Protein backbone atom coordinates (compact mmCIF):
# COMPACT_ATOMS: atom_id res chain seq x y z
CA UNK A 1 -4.81 13.16 3.08
CA UNK A 2 -2.05 14.31 0.35
CA UNK A 3 0.04 14.93 2.71
CA UNK A 4 0.03 11.47 4.29
CA UNK A 5 0.51 9.78 0.39
CA UNK A 6 3.20 11.90 -0.25
CA UNK A 7 4.79 11.12 3.37
CA UNK A 8 3.99 7.16 1.83
CA UNK A 9 6.09 7.28 -0.98
CA UNK A 10 8.76 9.08 0.68
CA UNK A 11 8.83 6.32 3.68
CA UNK A 12 8.49 3.48 1.34
CA UNK A 13 11.49 4.77 -0.76
CA UNK A 14 13.39 5.31 2.63
CA UNK A 15 12.84 1.70 4.02
CA UNK A 16 12.32 -0.52 1.18
CA UNK A 17 9.28 -2.01 1.52
CA UNK A 18 6.17 -3.00 -0.92
CA UNK A 19 2.91 -1.53 -0.85
CA UNK A 20 0.29 -3.67 -1.75
CA UNK A 21 -2.47 -1.21 -1.73
CA UNK A 22 -4.09 1.24 1.04
CA UNK A 23 -6.70 3.65 1.70
CA UNK A 24 -6.48 6.84 4.06
CA UNK A 25 -9.37 7.88 6.33
CA UNK A 26 -10.26 11.33 7.76
CA UNK A 27 -8.92 9.45 11.21
CA UNK A 28 -6.90 6.18 10.39
CA UNK A 29 -5.54 4.59 7.41
CA UNK A 30 -4.97 0.82 6.26
CA UNK A 31 -2.17 -0.03 4.65
CA UNK A 32 -1.37 -3.37 2.89
CA UNK A 33 3.02 -3.80 3.03
CA UNK A 34 5.56 -6.50 2.99
CA UNK A 35 8.36 -6.70 5.80
CA UNK A 36 10.18 -3.36 5.44
CA UNK A 37 14.32 -4.15 3.76
CA UNK A 38 15.53 -1.55 6.02
CA UNK A 39 14.67 -1.79 9.46
CA UNK A 40 11.61 -3.74 11.90
CA UNK A 41 7.79 -2.84 10.43
CA UNK A 42 7.09 -1.07 14.05
CA UNK A 43 10.12 1.62 13.30
CA UNK A 44 8.75 2.19 9.53
CA UNK A 45 5.43 2.62 10.53
CA UNK A 46 6.93 5.55 13.17
CA UNK A 47 8.65 7.20 10.90
CA UNK A 48 5.38 7.04 8.12
CA UNK A 49 3.95 8.84 11.36
CA UNK A 50 6.82 11.40 12.37
CA UNK A 51 7.01 12.27 8.46
CA UNK A 52 3.12 13.32 8.68
CA UNK A 53 2.68 14.67 11.85
CA UNK A 54 5.76 17.04 11.08
CA UNK A 55 4.21 18.92 8.29
CA UNK A 56 0.29 18.49 9.57
CA UNK A 57 -1.47 20.98 11.40
CA UNK A 58 -3.92 19.02 12.80
CA UNK A 59 -2.73 17.27 16.45
CA UNK A 60 -2.88 14.70 17.20
CA UNK A 61 -2.79 13.29 13.74
CA UNK A 62 -2.30 9.64 14.86
CA UNK A 63 -3.67 7.09 17.11
CA UNK A 64 -0.37 5.95 19.69
CA UNK A 65 -0.73 2.76 18.67
CA UNK A 66 -1.08 0.64 16.07
CA UNK A 67 -2.45 -2.71 14.80
CA UNK A 68 -1.12 -5.28 12.37
CA UNK A 69 -2.05 -8.86 10.41
CA UNK A 70 0.27 -11.14 8.89
CA UNK A 71 -1.28 -12.07 5.32
CA UNK A 72 0.02 -15.67 4.73
CA UNK A 73 -2.39 -16.34 1.72
CA UNK A 74 -3.13 -14.66 -1.92
CA UNK A 75 -6.97 -15.31 -1.27
CA UNK A 76 -6.39 -13.10 2.32
CA UNK A 77 -4.94 -10.65 0.85
CA UNK A 78 -7.76 -9.96 -1.89
CA UNK A 79 -9.49 -10.29 0.80
CA UNK A 80 -7.91 -7.44 2.80
CA UNK A 81 -7.25 -5.32 -0.34
CA UNK A 82 -11.30 -5.17 -0.84
CA UNK A 83 -12.11 -4.59 2.12
CA UNK A 84 -9.74 -1.58 2.94
CA UNK A 85 -10.66 0.15 -0.86
CA UNK A 86 -14.58 -0.35 0.01
CA UNK A 87 -14.05 1.24 3.55
CA UNK A 88 -15.26 4.85 2.30
CA UNK A 89 -18.16 3.63 0.51
CA UNK A 90 -18.92 1.55 3.75
CA UNK A 91 -18.59 4.77 5.88
CA UNK A 92 -20.86 6.91 3.32
CA UNK A 93 -17.39 9.25 2.20
CA UNK A 94 -17.80 7.96 -1.32
CA UNK A 95 -20.50 6.26 -3.64
CA UNK A 96 -17.91 4.13 -5.50
CA UNK A 97 -14.46 2.95 -4.39
CA UNK A 98 -13.54 4.32 -7.42
CA UNK A 99 -14.95 7.84 -6.00
CA UNK A 100 -11.96 8.14 -3.18
CA UNK A 101 -9.56 9.22 -4.47
CA UNK A 102 -6.88 8.35 -1.22
CA UNK A 103 -7.02 4.91 -2.04
CA UNK A 104 -4.88 2.06 -4.27
CA UNK A 105 -8.15 1.39 -5.81
CA UNK A 106 -7.76 3.18 -9.36
CA UNK A 107 -4.43 1.53 -9.44
CA UNK A 108 -5.62 -1.96 -9.32
CA UNK A 109 -8.91 -1.01 -11.86
CA UNK A 110 -6.60 0.83 -14.35
CA UNK A 111 -2.87 0.69 -13.72
CA UNK A 112 -2.84 4.33 -13.30
CA UNK A 113 0.23 5.42 -11.52
CA UNK A 114 -0.33 7.82 -8.12
CA UNK A 115 2.12 9.48 -5.83
CA UNK A 116 2.46 5.69 -4.18
CA UNK A 117 4.07 3.26 -5.63
CA UNK A 118 1.38 0.42 -5.71
CA UNK A 119 3.69 -3.59 -6.25
CA UNK A 120 0.65 -4.94 -8.29
CA UNK A 121 0.37 -6.96 -11.57
CA UNK A 122 0.40 -3.55 -13.63
CA UNK A 123 3.45 -2.76 -11.74
CA UNK A 124 5.04 -6.58 -12.25
CA UNK A 125 4.25 -6.61 -15.70
CA UNK A 126 6.03 -3.64 -16.58
CA UNK A 127 9.16 -4.75 -14.92
CA UNK A 128 8.51 -8.07 -16.96
CA UNK A 129 7.33 -10.05 -14.31
CA UNK A 130 10.11 -9.32 -11.97
CA UNK A 131 10.29 -8.19 -8.17
CA UNK A 132 11.57 -4.54 -7.30
CA UNK A 133 15.45 -4.29 -8.59
CA UNK A 134 15.76 -3.61 -5.04
CA UNK A 135 14.31 -6.49 -3.68
CA UNK A 136 16.24 -8.99 -6.89
CA UNK A 137 19.31 -9.42 -4.96
CA UNK A 138 18.30 -10.38 -1.53
CA UNK A 139 16.92 -13.74 0.27
CA UNK A 140 13.05 -12.85 0.55
CA UNK A 141 11.49 -14.19 3.76
CA UNK A 142 8.40 -13.19 2.34
CA UNK A 143 7.57 -13.82 -0.65
CA UNK A 144 6.17 -10.34 -3.30
CA UNK A 145 1.83 -10.15 -2.81
CA UNK A 146 1.81 -10.38 -6.39
CA UNK A 147 0.77 -13.34 -8.00
CA UNK A 148 2.79 -14.25 -11.08
CA UNK A 149 0.56 -13.28 -14.28
CA UNK A 150 -2.76 -12.71 -12.40
CA UNK A 151 -4.81 -10.28 -12.74
CA UNK A 152 -5.17 -7.20 -14.67
CA UNK A 153 -2.57 -6.36 -16.94
CA UNK A 154 -1.84 -9.87 -17.41
CA UNK A 155 -0.64 -11.10 -20.16
CA UNK A 156 -3.01 -13.36 -21.84
CA UNK A 157 -2.21 -17.35 -22.37
């Protein structure tokens, strides 16, 4: 599962996309990502799968297809993020979401940086509420998943 996190971060930087959240399970993964800056999402997922498969001893590591769901509201983003963070608990793999190492939950709870850079209120605050540098100078079809000045780490009003 550490292998997956390492591959996700390398592919994130190469294809220029935001990771809003993730959880790695023993036989599948949940990702909340935006459309990549380089190439379509399908090519990005293919690159991620290939990167992990080439370095993994497990065969087959991946299912042939993936399921995607477009999120268009902040409420739906929060709903999906809560769902994926609670997945290890529902499966009996952890007593609490923060006990599962291979997830973005601890980042959201504490701001702690892990292997994968998570686009959250914490990281937005560190940048002065600016978009990531690579996103600032291109037209965005989709806004950042981070609401301005909301959530953990947000400045108090």
